[in-house]
Amino acid sequence: MIEERFIKYINEIENGITSEVFLEENRKIISHFKQDIEAKKQFKIHKALSNLKRFLIYNLLKEKPMCTCALAKVFQTSEGTISHHLKILQDAGKVIGMKESYFTTYYTIENLIQSFDKKD
């Protein structure tokens, strides 16, 4: 896609397109992405995983579901801090918490699907 866009850009320059037309076309493309629901979802996921601690939490949860208190011990931080990161990962659709007795255990969506598949 980038290569096609670059070739189009070179062709536009060779054909004498004005910078105003070029800028307007690109503003339309950006506007489209800002309104695209799928693009917004992808942005939310990338933003959530761009934080190192959240990236590490997500990858730990891919290996094994854990509760907030276990993650807090691993990262040597407060449960409140871990809860904040988990909330962002949940909002991005990457993890889900399931209440189990007194604790909430957090799973990646992929692990949760796999655990249900194993039960069948």
PDB file of N, CA and C in Angstrom:
ATOM      1  N   MET A   1       0.828  -1.192   0.000  1.00  0.00           N
ATOM      2  CA  MET A   1       0.000   0.000   0.000  1.00  0.00           C
ATOM      3  C   MET A   1       0.873   1.256   0.000  1.00  0.00           C
ATOM      4  N   ILE A   2       1.912   1.271   0.819  1.00  0.00           N
ATOM      5  CA  ILE A   2       2.792   2.435   0.875  1.00  0.00           C
ATOM      6  C   ILE A   2       3.513   2.608  -0.455  1.00  0.00           C
ATOM      7  N   GLU A   3       3.955   1.488  -1.021  1.00  0.00           N
ATOM      8  CA  GLU A   3       4.660   1.552  -2.298  1.00  0.00           C
ATOM      9  C   GLU A   3       3.737   2.112  -3.391  1.00  0.00           C
ATOM     10  N   GLU A   4       2.470   1.658  -3.407  1.00  0.00           N
ATOM     11  CA  GLU A   4       1.504   2.166  -4.387  1.00  0.00           C
ATOM     12  C   GLU A   4       1.288   3.664  -4.196  1.00  0.00           C
ATOM     13  N   ARG A   5       1.194   4.074  -2.944  1.00  0.00           N
ATOM     14  CA  ARG A   5       0.977   5.491  -2.627  1.00  0.00           C
ATOM     15  C   ARG A   5       2.178   6.319  -3.087  1.00  0.00           C
ATOM     16  N   PHE A   6       3.381   5.797  -2.896  1.00  0.00           N
ATOM     17  CA  PHE A   6       4.586   6.502  -3.311  1.00  0.00           C
ATOM     18  C   PHE A   6       4.632   6.642  -4.837  1.00  0.00           C
ATOM     19  N   ILE A   7       4.318   5.562  -5.541  1.00  0.00           N
ATOM     20  CA  ILE A   7       4.298   5.603  -7.009  1.00  0.00           C
ATOM     21  C   ILE A   7       3.274   6.617  -7.495  1.00  0.00           C
ATOM     22  N   LYS A   8       2.099   6.624  -6.856  1.00  0.00           N
ATOM     23  CA  LYS A   8       1.058   7.595  -7.223  1.00  0.00           C
ATOM     24  C   LYS A   8       1.566   9.019  -6.989  1.00  0.00           C
ATOM     25  N   TYR A   9       2.259   9.210  -5.877  1.00  0.00           N
ATOM     26  CA  TYR A   9       2.799  10.524  -5.542  1.00  0.00           C
ATOM     27  C   TYR A   9       3.805  10.987  -6.605  1.00  0.00           C
ATOM     28  N   ILE A  10       4.700  10.099  -7.009  1.00  0.00           N
ATOM     29  CA  ILE A  10       5.687  10.435  -8.049  1.00  0.00           C
ATOM     30  C   ILE A  10       4.983  10.789  -9.354  1.00  0.00           C
ATOM     31  N   ASN A  11       3.971   9.996  -9.714  1.00  0.00           N
ATOM     32  CA  ASN A  11       3.206  10.277 -10.942  1.00  0.00           C
ATOM     33  C   ASN A  11       2.505  11.631 -10.864  1.00  0.00           C
ATOM     34  N   GLU A  12       1.975  11.947  -9.696  1.00  0.00           N
ATOM     35  CA  GLU A  12       1.293  13.230  -9.522  1.00  0.00           C
ATOM     36  C   GLU A  12       2.274  14.387  -9.698  1.00  0.00           C
ATOM     37  N   ILE A  13       3.479  14.234  -9.158  1.00  0.00           N
ATOM     38  CA  ILE A  13       4.500  15.275  -9.294  1.00  0.00           C
ATOM     39  C   ILE A  13       4.877  15.438 -10.764  1.00  0.00           C
ATOM     40  N   GLU A  14       5.057  14.311 -11.453  1.00  0.00           N
ATOM     41  CA  GLU A  14       5.433  14.370 -12.870  1.00  0.00           C
ATOM     42  C   GLU A  14       4.328  14.991 -13.722  1.00  0.00           C
ATOM     43  N   ASN A  15       3.079  14.813 -13.309  1.00  0.00           N
ATOM     44  CA  ASN A  15       1.960  15.366 -14.071  1.00  0.00           C
ATOM     45  C   ASN A  15       1.614  16.790 -13.645  1.00  0.00           C
ATOM     46  N   GLY A  16       2.393  17.347 -12.752  1.00  0.00           N
ATOM     47  CA  GLY A  16       2.228  18.745 -12.372  1.00  0.00           C
ATOM     48  C   GLY A  16       1.097  19.027 -11.400  1.00  0.00           C
ATOM     49  N   ILE A  17       0.744  18.063 -10.543  1.00  0.00           N
ATOM     50  CA  ILE A  17      -0.307  18.313  -9.559  1.00  0.00           C
ATOM     51  C   ILE A  17       0.171  19.383  -8.577  1.00  0.00           C
ATOM     52  N   THR A  18      -0.718  20.236  -8.175  1.00  0.00           N
ATOM     53  CA  THR A  18      -0.336  21.305  -7.251  1.00  0.00           C
ATOM     54  C   THR A  18      -0.258  20.758  -5.827  1.00  0.00           C
ATOM     55  N   SER A  19       0.497  21.426  -5.019  1.00  0.00           N
ATOM     56  CA  SER A  19       0.637  20.983  -3.632  1.00  0.00           C
ATOM     57  C   SER A  19      -0.693  21.098  -2.884  1.00  0.00           C
ATOM     58  N   GLU A  20      -1.542  22.062  -3.278  1.00  0.00           N
ATOM     59  CA  GLU A  20      -2.843  22.221  -2.620  1.00  0.00           C
ATOM     60  C   GLU A  20      -3.730  21.006  -2.879  1.00  0.00           C
ATOM     61  N   VAL A  21      -3.733  20.523  -4.114  1.00  0.00           N
ATOM     62  CA  VAL A  21      -4.532  19.343  -4.462  1.00  0.00           C
ATOM     63  C   VAL A  21      -3.982  18.118  -3.735  1.00  0.00           C
ATOM     64  N   PHE A  22      -2.669  17.983  -3.722  1.00  0.00           N
ATOM     65  CA  PHE A  22      -2.029  16.871  -3.041  1.00  0.00           C
ATOM     66  C   PHE A  22      -2.390  16.875  -1.553  1.00  0.00           C
ATOM     67  N   LEU A  23      -2.294  18.033  -0.917  1.00  0.00           N
ATOM     68  CA  LEU A  23      -2.611  18.131   0.507  1.00  0.00           C
ATOM     69  C   LEU A  23      -4.080  17.830   0.771  1.00  0.00           C
ATOM     70  N   GLU A  24      -4.960  18.311  -0.062  1.00  0.00           N
ATOM     71  CA  GLU A  24      -6.394  18.076   0.115  1.00  0.00           C
ATOM     72  C   GLU A  24      -6.727  16.590  -0.005  1.00  0.00           C
ATOM     73  N   GLU A  25      -6.131  15.916  -0.970  1.00  0.00           N
ATOM     74  CA  GLU A  25      -6.363  14.477  -1.129  1.00  0.00           C
ATOM     75  C   GLU A  25      -5.908  13.720   0.116  1.00  0.00           C
ATOM     76  N   ASN A  26      -4.751  14.089   0.641  1.00  0.00           N
ATOM     77  CA  ASN A  26      -4.235  13.406   1.827  1.00  0.00           C
ATOM     78  C   ASN A  26      -5.030  13.743   3.078  1.00  0.00           C
ATOM     79  N   ARG A  27      -5.559  14.937   3.159  1.00  0.00           N
ATOM     80  CA  ARG A  27      -6.430  15.289   4.292  1.00  0.00           C
ATOM     81  C   ARG A  27      -7.704  14.452   4.266  1.00  0.00           C
ATOM     82  N   LYS A  28      -8.213  14.178   3.071  1.00  0.00           N
ATOM     83  CA  LYS A  28      -9.403  13.323   2.943  1.00  0.00           C
ATOM     84  C   LYS A  28      -9.106  11.912   3.414  1.00  0.00           C
ATOM     85  N   ILE A  29      -7.920  11.410   3.068  1.00  0.00           N
ATOM     86  CA  ILE A  29      -7.526  10.070   3.503  1.00  0.00           C
ATOM     87  C   ILE A  29      -7.445  10.010   5.029  1.00  0.00           C
ATOM     88  N   ILE A  30      -6.829  11.014   5.630  1.00  0.00           N
ATOM     89  CA  ILE A  30      -6.707  11.070   7.090  1.00  0.00           C
ATOM     90  C   ILE A  30      -8.080  11.166   7.737  1.00  0.00           C
ATOM     91  N   SER A  31      -8.942  11.990   7.182  1.00  0.00           N
ATOM     92  CA  SER A  31     -10.298  12.144   7.710  1.00  0.00           C
ATOM     93  C   SER A  31     -11.043  10.809   7.675  1.00  0.00           C
ATOM     94  N   HIS A  32     -10.858  10.081   6.581  1.00  0.00           N
ATOM     95  CA  HIS A  32     -11.503   8.769   6.459  1.00  0.00           C
ATOM     96  C   HIS A  32     -11.022   7.833   7.572  1.00  0.00           C
ATOM     97  N   PHE A  33      -9.705   7.792   7.825  1.00  0.00           N
ATOM     98  CA  PHE A  33      -9.162   6.933   8.873  1.00  0.00           C
ATOM     99  C   PHE A  33      -9.672   7.328  10.252  1.00  0.00           C
ATOM    100  N   LYS A  34      -9.817   8.620  10.486  1.00  0.00           N
ATOM    101  CA  LYS A  34     -10.299   9.084  11.792  1.00  0.00           C
ATOM    102  C   LYS A  34     -11.736   8.647  12.050  1.00  0.00           C
ATOM    103  N   GLN A  35     -12.508   8.438  10.991  1.00  0.00           N
ATOM    104  CA  GLN A  35     -13.905   8.045  11.136  1.00  0.00           C
ATOM    105  C   GLN A  35     -14.115   6.538  11.026  1.00  0.00           C
ATOM    106  N   ASP A  36     -13.107   5.814  10.580  1.00  0.00           N
ATOM    107  CA  ASP A  36     -13.200   4.373  10.368  1.00  0.00           C
ATOM    108  C   ASP A  36     -13.181   3.643  11.708  1.00  0.00           C
ATOM    109  N   ILE A  37     -14.222   2.884  12.002  1.00  0.00           N
ATOM    110  CA  ILE A  37     -14.355   2.198  13.286  1.00  0.00           C
ATOM    111  C   ILE A  37     -13.252   1.163  13.476  1.00  0.00           C
ATOM    112  N   GLU A  38     -12.945   0.404  12.431  1.00  0.00           N
ATOM    113  CA  GLU A  38     -11.892  -0.613  12.527  1.00  0.00           C
ATOM    114  C   GLU A  38     -10.530   0.031  12.783  1.00  0.00           C
ATOM    115  N   ALA A  39     -10.272   1.164  12.146  1.00  0.00           N
ATOM    116  CA  ALA A  39      -9.009   1.871  12.362  1.00  0.00           C
ATOM    117  C   ALA A  39      -8.919   2.359  13.809  1.00  0.00           C
ATOM    118  N   LYS A  40     -10.042   2.806  14.364  1.00  0.00           N
ATOM    119  CA  LYS A  40     -10.054   3.252  15.761  1.00  0.00           C
ATOM    120  C   LYS A  40      -9.743   2.092  16.708  1.00  0.00           C
ATOM    121  N   LYS A  41     -10.304   0.913  16.416  1.00  0.00           N
ATOM    122  CA  LYS A  41     -10.022  -0.264  17.241  1.00  0.00           C
ATOM    123  C   LYS A  41      -8.540  -0.610  17.186  1.00  0.00           C
ATOM    124  N   GLN A  42      -7.979  -0.613  15.992  1.00  0.00           N
ATOM    125  CA  GLN A  42      -6.568  -0.932  15.841  1.00  0.00           C
ATOM    126  C   GLN A  42      -5.685   0.077  16.576  1.00  0.00           C
ATOM    127  N   PHE A  43      -6.060   1.353  16.498  1.00  0.00           N
ATOM    128  CA  PHE A  43      -5.298   2.389  17.195  1.00  0.00           C
ATOM    129  C   PHE A  43      -5.331   2.149  18.703  1.00  0.00           C
ATOM    130  N   LYS A  44      -6.511   1.798  19.224  1.00  0.00           N
ATOM    131  CA  LYS A  44      -6.658   1.565  20.661  1.00  0.00           C
ATOM    132  C   LYS A  44      -5.778   0.400  21.118  1.00  0.00           C
ATOM    133  N   ILE A  45      -5.718  -0.646  20.303  1.00  0.00           N
ATOM    134  CA  ILE A  45      -4.875  -1.800  20.631  1.00  0.00           C
ATOM    135  C   ILE A  45      -3.403  -1.406  20.616  1.00  0.00           C
ATOM    136  N   HIS A  46      -2.984  -0.710  19.573  1.00  0.00           N
ATOM    137  CA  HIS A  46      -1.575  -0.297  19.485  1.00  0.00           C
ATOM    138  C   HIS A  46      -1.199   0.645  20.621  1.00  0.00           C
ATOM    139  N   LYS A  47      -2.111   1.540  20.952  1.00  0.00           N
ATOM    140  CA  LYS A  47      -1.839   2.474  22.040  1.00  0.00           C
ATOM    141  C   LYS A  47      -1.713   1.731  23.374  1.00  0.00           C
ATOM    142  N   ALA A  48      -2.595   0.758  23.599  1.00  0.00           N
ATOM    143  CA  ALA A  48      -2.555  -0.012  24.849  1.00  0.00           C
ATOM    144  C   ALA A  48      -1.253  -0.795  24.969  1.00  0.00           C
ATOM    145  N   LEU A  49      -0.807  -1.388  23.880  1.00  0.00           N
ATOM    146  CA  LEU A  49       0.392  -2.221  23.929  1.00  0.00           C
ATOM    147  C   LEU A  49       1.689  -1.430  23.766  1.00  0.00           C
ATOM    148  N   SER A  50       1.581  -0.124  23.513  1.00  0.00           N
ATOM    149  CA  SER A  50       2.795   0.674  23.338  1.00  0.00           C
ATOM    150  C   SER A  50       3.485   0.982  24.662  1.00  0.00           C
ATOM    151  N   ASN A  51       2.774   0.810  25.769  1.00  0.00           N
ATOM    152  CA  ASN A  51       3.364   0.993  27.091  1.00  0.00           C
ATOM    153  C   ASN A  51       4.085  -0.303  27.476  1.00  0.00           C
ATOM    154  N   LEU A  52       5.339  -0.197  27.884  1.00  0.00           N
ATOM    155  CA  LEU A  52       6.140  -1.382  28.162  1.00  0.00           C
ATOM    156  C   LEU A  52       5.505  -2.269  29.230  1.00  0.00           C
ATOM    157  N   LYS A  53       5.033  -1.683  30.324  1.00  0.00           N
ATOM    158  CA  LYS A  53       4.461  -2.494  31.399  1.00  0.00           C
ATOM    159  C   LYS A  53       3.215  -3.239  30.914  1.00  0.00           C
ATOM    160  N   ARG A  54       2.346  -2.562  30.143  1.00  0.00           N
ATOM    161  CA  ARG A  54       1.154  -3.234  29.616  1.00  0.00           C
ATOM    162  C   ARG A  54       1.540  -4.331  28.623  1.00  0.00           C
ATOM    163  N   PHE A  55       2.558  -4.059  27.810  1.00  0.00           N
ATOM    164  CA  PHE A  55       3.037  -5.059  26.862  1.00  0.00           C
ATOM    165  C   PHE A  55       3.514  -6.302  27.609  1.00  0.00           C
ATOM    166  N   LEU A  56       4.259  -6.084  28.686  1.00  0.00           N
ATOM    167  CA  LEU A  56       4.761  -7.210  29.479  1.00  0.00           C
ATOM    168  C   LEU A  56       3.617  -7.940  30.197  1.00  0.00           C
ATOM    169  N   ILE A  57       2.673  -7.196  30.748  1.00  0.00           N
ATOM    170  CA  ILE A  57       1.511  -7.813  31.402  1.00  0.00           C
ATOM    171  C   ILE A  57       0.762  -8.682  30.407  1.00  0.00           C
ATOM    172  N   TYR A  58       0.508  -8.140  29.237  1.00  0.00           N
ATOM    173  CA  TYR A  58      -0.219  -8.894  28.209  1.00  0.00           C
ATOM    174  C   TYR A  58       0.524 -10.188  27.857  1.00  0.00           C
ATOM    175  N   ASN A  59       1.833 -10.104  27.693  1.00  0.00           N
ATOM    176  CA  ASN A  59       2.602 -11.294  27.329  1.00  0.00           C
ATOM    177  C   ASN A  59       2.681 -12.305  28.473  1.00  0.00           C
ATOM    178  N   LEU A  60       2.714 -11.835  29.719  1.00  0.00           N
ATOM    179  CA  LEU A  60       2.649 -12.757  30.853  1.00  0.00           C
ATOM    180  C   LEU A  60       1.304 -13.477  30.884  1.00  0.00           C
ATOM    181  N   LEU A  61       0.241 -12.728  30.635  1.00  0.00           N
ATOM    182  CA  LEU A  61      -1.092 -13.330  30.642  1.00  0.00           C
ATOM    183  C   LEU A  61      -1.288 -14.304  29.482  1.00  0.00           C
ATOM    184  N   LYS A  62      -0.560 -14.106  28.404  1.00  0.00           N
ATOM    185  CA  LYS A  62      -0.610 -15.077  27.303  1.00  0.00           C
ATOM    186  C   LYS A  62      -0.048 -16.420  27.763  1.00  0.00           C
ATOM    187  N   GLU A  63       0.941 -16.372  28.655  1.00  0.00           N
ATOM    188  CA  GLU A  63       1.557 -17.599  29.169  1.00  0.00           C
ATOM    189  C   GLU A  63       0.688 -18.270  30.230  1.00  0.00           C
ATOM    190  N   LYS A  64       0.106 -17.428  31.109  1.00  0.00           N
ATOM    191  CA  LYS A  64      -0.676 -17.979  32.216  1.00  0.00           C
ATOM    192  C   LYS A  64      -1.622 -16.907  32.762  1.00  0.00           C
ATOM    193  N   PRO A  65      -2.906 -17.211  32.889  1.00  0.00           N
ATOM    194  CA  PRO A  65      -3.830 -16.252  33.504  1.00  0.00           C
ATOM    195  C   PRO A  65      -3.410 -15.961  34.945  1.00  0.00           C
ATOM    196  N   MET A  66      -3.582 -14.721  35.378  1.00  0.00           N
ATOM    197  CA  MET A  66      -3.175 -14.325  36.732  1.00  0.00           C
ATOM    198  C   MET A  66      -4.157 -13.316  37.310  1.00  0.00           C
ATOM    199  N   CYS A  67      -4.099 -13.169  38.619  1.00  0.00           N
ATOM    200  CA  CYS A  67      -4.889 -12.148  39.301  1.00  0.00           C
ATOM    201  C   CYS A  67      -4.035 -10.891  39.483  1.00  0.00           C
ATOM    202  N   THR A  68      -4.676  -9.820  39.876  1.00  0.00           N
ATOM    203  CA  THR A  68      -4.007  -8.542  40.068  1.00  0.00           C
ATOM    204  C   THR A  68      -2.890  -8.644  41.113  1.00  0.00           C
ATOM    205  N   CYS A  69      -3.171  -9.350  42.196  1.00  0.00           N
ATOM    206  CA  CYS A  69      -2.167  -9.429  43.274  1.00  0.00           C
ATOM    207  C   CYS A  69      -0.904 -10.153  42.805  1.00  0.00           C
ATOM    208  N   ALA A  70      -1.054 -11.186  41.985  1.00  0.00           N
ATOM    209  CA  ALA A  70       0.128 -11.900  41.477  1.00  0.00           C
ATOM    210  C   ALA A  70       0.928 -11.000  40.542  1.00  0.00           C
ATOM    211  N   LEU A  71       0.242 -10.279  39.673  1.00  0.00           N
ATOM    212  CA  LEU A  71       0.936  -9.361  38.763  1.00  0.00           C
ATOM    213  C   LEU A  71       1.638  -8.250  39.536  1.00  0.00           C
ATOM    214  N   ALA A  72       0.992  -7.764  40.602  1.00  0.00           N
ATOM    215  CA  ALA A  72       1.607  -6.713  41.421  1.00  0.00           C
ATOM    216  C   ALA A  72       2.908  -7.207  42.056  1.00  0.00           C
ATOM    217  N   LYS A  73       2.926  -8.464  42.488  1.00  0.00           N
ATOM    218  CA  LYS A  73       4.146  -9.019  43.070  1.00  0.00           C
ATOM    219  C   LYS A  73       5.238  -9.177  42.017  1.00  0.00           C
ATOM    220  N   VAL A  74       4.849  -9.640  40.832  1.00  0.00           N
ATOM    221  CA  VAL A  74       5.826  -9.816  39.754  1.00  0.00           C
ATOM    222  C   VAL A  74       6.476  -8.482  39.402  1.00  0.00           C
ATOM    223  N   PHE A  75       5.671  -7.429  39.304  1.00  0.00           N
ATOM    224  CA  PHE A  75       6.176  -6.113  38.891  1.00  0.00           C
ATOM    225  C   PHE A  75       6.618  -5.246  40.063  1.00  0.00           C
ATOM    226  N   GLN A  76       6.461  -5.757  41.278  1.00  0.00           N
ATOM    227  CA  GLN A  76       6.823  -5.021  42.490  1.00  0.00           C
ATOM    228  C   GLN A  76       6.220  -3.620  42.498  1.00  0.00           C
ATOM    229  N   THR A  77       4.904  -3.597  42.303  1.00  0.00           N
ATOM    230  CA  THR A  77       4.161  -2.341  42.289  1.00  0.00           C
ATOM    231  C   THR A  77       2.814  -2.570  42.964  1.00  0.00           C
ATOM    232  N   SER A  78       2.024  -1.534  43.065  1.00  0.00           N
ATOM    233  CA  SER A  78       0.741  -1.658  43.759  1.00  0.00           C
ATOM    234  C   SER A  78      -0.307  -2.340  42.873  1.00  0.00           C
ATOM    235  N   GLU A  79      -1.294  -2.930  43.530  1.00  0.00           N
ATOM    236  CA  GLU A  79      -2.399  -3.540  42.795  1.00  0.00           C
ATOM    237  C   GLU A  79      -3.187  -2.479  42.021  1.00  0.00           C
ATOM    238  N   GLY A  80      -3.225  -1.266  42.555  1.00  0.00           N
ATOM    239  CA  GLY A  80      -3.910  -0.168  41.869  1.00  0.00           C
ATOM    240  C   GLY A  80      -3.269   0.154  40.524  1.00  0.00           C
ATOM    241  N   THR A  81      -1.946   0.151  40.494  1.00  0.00           N
ATOM    242  CA  THR A  81      -1.236   0.411  39.251  1.00  0.00           C
ATOM    243  C   THR A  81      -1.519  -0.690  38.235  1.00  0.00           C
ATOM    244  N   ILE A  82      -1.496  -1.941  38.705  1.00  0.00           N
ATOM    245  CA  ILE A  82      -1.781  -3.072  37.815  1.00  0.00           C
ATOM    246  C   ILE A  82      -3.219  -2.992  37.319  1.00  0.00           C
ATOM    247  N   SER A  83      -4.139  -2.657  38.205  1.00  0.00           N
ATOM    248  CA  SER A  83      -5.551  -2.529  37.810  1.00  0.00           C
ATOM    249  C   SER A  83      -5.725  -1.485  36.718  1.00  0.00           C
ATOM    250  N   HIS A  84      -5.002  -0.386  36.842  1.00  0.00           N
ATOM    251  CA  HIS A  84      -5.059   0.680  35.830  1.00  0.00           C
ATOM    252  C   HIS A  84      -4.616   0.136  34.469  1.00  0.00           C
ATOM    253  N   HIS A  85      -3.501  -0.583  34.440  1.00  0.00           N
ATOM    254  CA  HIS A  85      -3.006  -1.139  33.183  1.00  0.00           C
ATOM    255  C   HIS A  85      -3.963  -2.197  32.625  1.00  0.00           C
ATOM    256  N   LEU A  86      -4.515  -3.015  33.505  1.00  0.00           N
ATOM    257  CA  LEU A  86      -5.462  -4.040  33.059  1.00  0.00           C
ATOM    258  C   LEU A  86      -6.735  -3.418  32.477  1.00  0.00           C
ATOM    259  N   LYS A  87      -7.172  -2.318  33.059  1.00  0.00           N
ATOM    260  CA  LYS A  87      -8.360  -1.620  32.542  1.00  0.00           C
ATOM    261  C   LYS A  87      -8.112  -1.148  31.112  1.00  0.00           C
ATOM    262  N   ILE A  88      -6.950  -0.601  30.857  1.00  0.00           N
ATOM    263  CA  ILE A  88      -6.617  -0.135  29.505  1.00  0.00           C
ATOM    264  C   ILE A  88      -6.566  -1.309  28.538  1.00  0.00           C
ATOM    265  N   LEU A  89      -5.975  -2.418  28.972  1.00  0.00           N
ATOM    266  CA  LEU A  89      -5.926  -3.616  28.119  1.00  0.00           C
ATOM    267  C   LEU A  89      -7.324  -4.187  27.882  1.00  0.00           C
ATOM    268  N   GLN A  90      -8.181  -4.117  28.888  1.00  0.00           N
ATOM    269  CA  GLN A  90      -9.560  -4.571  28.721  1.00  0.00           C
ATOM    270  C   GLN A  90     -10.312  -3.674  27.733  1.00  0.00           C
ATOM    271  N   ASP A  91     -10.148  -2.369  27.876  1.00  0.00           N
ATOM    272  CA  ASP A  91     -10.819  -1.429  26.972  1.00  0.00           C
ATOM    273  C   ASP A  91     -10.384  -1.615  25.524  1.00  0.00           C
ATOM    274  N   ALA A  92      -9.149  -2.080  25.347  1.00  0.00           N
ATOM    275  CA  ALA A  92      -8.632  -2.330  23.996  1.00  0.00           C
ATOM    276  C   ALA A  92      -9.068  -3.709  23.479  1.00  0.00           C
ATOM    277  N   GLY A  93      -9.724  -4.495  24.336  1.00  0.00           N
ATOM    278  CA  GLY A  93     -10.204  -5.805  23.915  1.00  0.00           C
ATOM    279  C   GLY A  93      -9.136  -6.883  23.894  1.00  0.00           C
ATOM    280  N   LYS A  94      -8.066  -6.695  24.657  1.00  0.00           N
ATOM    281  CA  LYS A  94      -6.969  -7.671  24.655  1.00  0.00           C
ATOM    282  C   LYS A  94      -7.032  -8.636  25.841  1.00  0.00           C
ATOM    283  N   VAL A  95      -7.605  -8.210  26.966  1.00  0.00           N
ATOM    284  CA  VAL A  95      -7.731  -9.105  28.121  1.00  0.00           C
ATOM    285  C   VAL A  95      -9.148  -9.011  28.678  1.00  0.00           C
ATOM    286  N   ILE A  96      -9.483 -10.023  29.464  1.00  0.00           N
ATOM    287  CA  ILE A  96     -10.786 -10.033  30.128  1.00  0.00           C
ATOM    288  C   ILE A  96     -10.587 -10.585  31.535  1.00  0.00           C
ATOM    289  N   GLY A  97     -11.317 -10.031  32.484  1.00  0.00           N
ATOM    290  CA  GLY A  97     -11.254 -10.502  33.859  1.00  0.00           C
ATOM    291  C   GLY A  97     -12.467 -11.343  34.184  1.00  0.00           C
ATOM    292  N   MET A  98     -12.227 -12.469  34.856  1.00  0.00           N
ATOM    293  CA  MET A  98     -13.326 -13.340  35.262  1.00  0.00           C
ATOM    294  C   MET A  98     -13.252 -13.539  36.776  1.00  0.00           C
ATOM    295  N   LYS A  99     -14.355 -13.233  37.430  1.00  0.00           N
ATOM    296  CA  LYS A  99     -14.426 -13.349  38.886  1.00  0.00           C
ATOM    297  C   LYS A  99     -14.395 -14.822  39.273  1.00  0.00           C
ATOM    298  N   GLU A 100     -13.453 -15.170  40.137  1.00  0.00           N
ATOM    299  CA  GLU A 100     -13.310 -16.534  40.634  1.00  0.00           C
ATOM    300  C   GLU A 100     -13.115 -16.454  42.139  1.00  0.00           C
ATOM    301  N   SER A 101     -14.154 -16.763  42.886  1.00  0.00           N
ATOM    302  CA  SER A 101     -14.125 -16.690  44.338  1.00  0.00           C
ATOM    303  C   SER A 101     -13.872 -15.239  44.767  1.00  0.00           C
ATOM    304  N   TYR A 102     -12.790 -14.992  45.500  1.00  0.00           N
ATOM    305  CA  TYR A 102     -12.472 -13.647  45.967  1.00  0.00           C
ATOM    306  C   TYR A 102     -11.642 -12.846  44.965  1.00  0.00           C
ATOM    307  N   PHE A 103     -11.134 -13.506  43.982  1.00  0.00           N
ATOM    308  CA  PHE A 103     -10.204 -12.881  43.047  1.00  0.00           C
ATOM    309  C   PHE A 103     -10.816 -12.738  41.660  1.00  0.00           C
ATOM    310  N   THR A 104     -10.250 -11.835  40.892  1.00  0.00           N
ATOM    311  CA  THR A 104     -10.552 -11.747  39.468  1.00  0.00           C
ATOM    312  C   THR A 104      -9.308 -12.212  38.735  1.00  0.00           C
ATOM    313  N   THR A 105      -9.467 -13.223  37.921  1.00  0.00           N
ATOM    314  CA  THR A 105      -8.352 -13.739  37.140  1.00  0.00           C
ATOM    315  C   THR A 105      -8.437 -13.141  35.751  1.00  0.00           C
ATOM    316  N   TYR A 106      -7.308 -12.674  35.256  1.00  0.00           N
ATOM    317  CA  TYR A 106      -7.262 -12.026  33.943  1.00  0.00           C
ATOM    318  C   TYR A 106      -6.673 -12.975  32.909  1.00  0.00           C
ATOM    319  N   TYR A 107      -7.339 -13.020  31.774  1.00  0.00           N
ATOM    320  CA  TYR A 107      -6.959 -13.879  30.658  1.00  0.00           C
ATOM    321  C   TYR A 107      -6.785 -13.015  29.421  1.00  0.00           C
ATOM    322  N   THR A 108      -5.920 -13.448  28.511  1.00  0.00           N
ATOM    323  CA  THR A 108      -5.956 -12.847  27.189  1.00  0.00           C
ATOM    324  C   THR A 108      -7.165 -13.469  26.489  1.00  0.00           C
ATOM    325  N   ILE A 109      -7.701 -12.774  25.524  1.00  0.00           N
ATOM    326  CA  ILE A 109      -8.859 -13.290  24.800  1.00  0.00           C
ATOM    327  C   ILE A 109      -8.506 -14.632  24.154  1.00  0.00           C
ATOM    328  N   GLU A 110      -7.304 -14.742  23.617  1.00  0.00           N
ATOM    329  CA  GLU A 110      -6.873 -15.980  22.966  1.00  0.00           C
ATOM    330  C   GLU A 110      -6.833 -17.150  23.961  1.00  0.00           C
ATOM    331  N   ASN A 111      -6.316 -16.907  25.176  1.00  0.00           N
ATOM    332  CA  ASN A 111      -6.252 -17.967  26.192  1.00  0.00           C
ATOM    333  C   ASN A 111      -7.639 -18.392  26.634  1.00  0.00           C
ATOM    334  N   LEU A 112      -8.530 -17.449  26.742  1.00  0.00           N
ATOM    335  CA  LEU A 112      -9.889 -17.756  27.163  1.00  0.00           C
ATOM    336  C   LEU A 112     -10.570 -18.638  26.123  1.00  0.00           C
ATOM    337  N   ILE A 113     -10.395 -18.323  24.870  1.00  0.00           N
ATOM    338  CA  ILE A 113     -10.982 -19.127  23.788  1.00  0.00           C
ATOM    339  C   ILE A 113     -10.388 -20.528  23.818  1.00  0.00           C
ATOM    340  N   GLN A 114      -9.072 -20.624  24.000  1.00  0.00           N
ATOM    341  CA  GLN A 114      -8.413 -21.936  24.055  1.00  0.00           C
ATOM    342  C   GLN A 114      -8.899 -22.762  25.236  1.00  0.00           C
ATOM    343  N   SER A 115      -9.118 -22.125  26.382  1.00  0.00           N
ATOM    344  CA  SER A 115      -9.564 -22.866  27.555  1.00  0.00           C
ATOM    345  C   SER A 115     -10.976 -23.403  27.362  1.00  0.00           C
ATOM    346  N   PHE A 116     -11.827 -22.657  26.646  1.00  0.00           N
ATOM    347  CA  PHE A 116     -13.174 -23.151  26.358  1.00  0.00           C
ATOM    348  C   PHE A 116     -13.121 -24.279  25.333  1.00  0.00           C
ATOM    349  N   ASP A 117     -12.217 -24.190  24.363  1.00  0.00           N
ATOM    350  CA  ASP A 117     -12.073 -25.241  23.364  1.00  0.00           C
ATOM    351  C   ASP A 117     -11.612 -26.547  23.997  1.00  0.00           C
ATOM    352  N   LYS A 118     -10.738 -26.460  25.017  1.00  0.00           N
ATOM    353  CA  LYS A 118     -10.235 -27.665  25.682  1.00  0.00           C
ATOM    354  C   LYS A 118     -11.330 -28.361  26.486  1.00  0.00           C
ATOM    355  N   LYS A 119     -12.304 -27.584  26.986  1.00  0.00           N
ATOM    356  CA  LYS A 119     -13.386 -28.157  27.790  1.00  0.00           C
ATOM    357  C   LYS A 119     -14.353 -28.954  26.934  1.00  0.00           C
ATOM    358  N   ASP A 120     -14.441 -28.619  25.656  1.00  0.00           N
ATOM    359  CA  ASP A 120     -15.384 -29.318  24.764  1.00  0.00           C
ATOM    360  C   ASP A 120     -14.853 -30.608  24.306  1.00  0.00           C
TER     361      ASP A 120
END
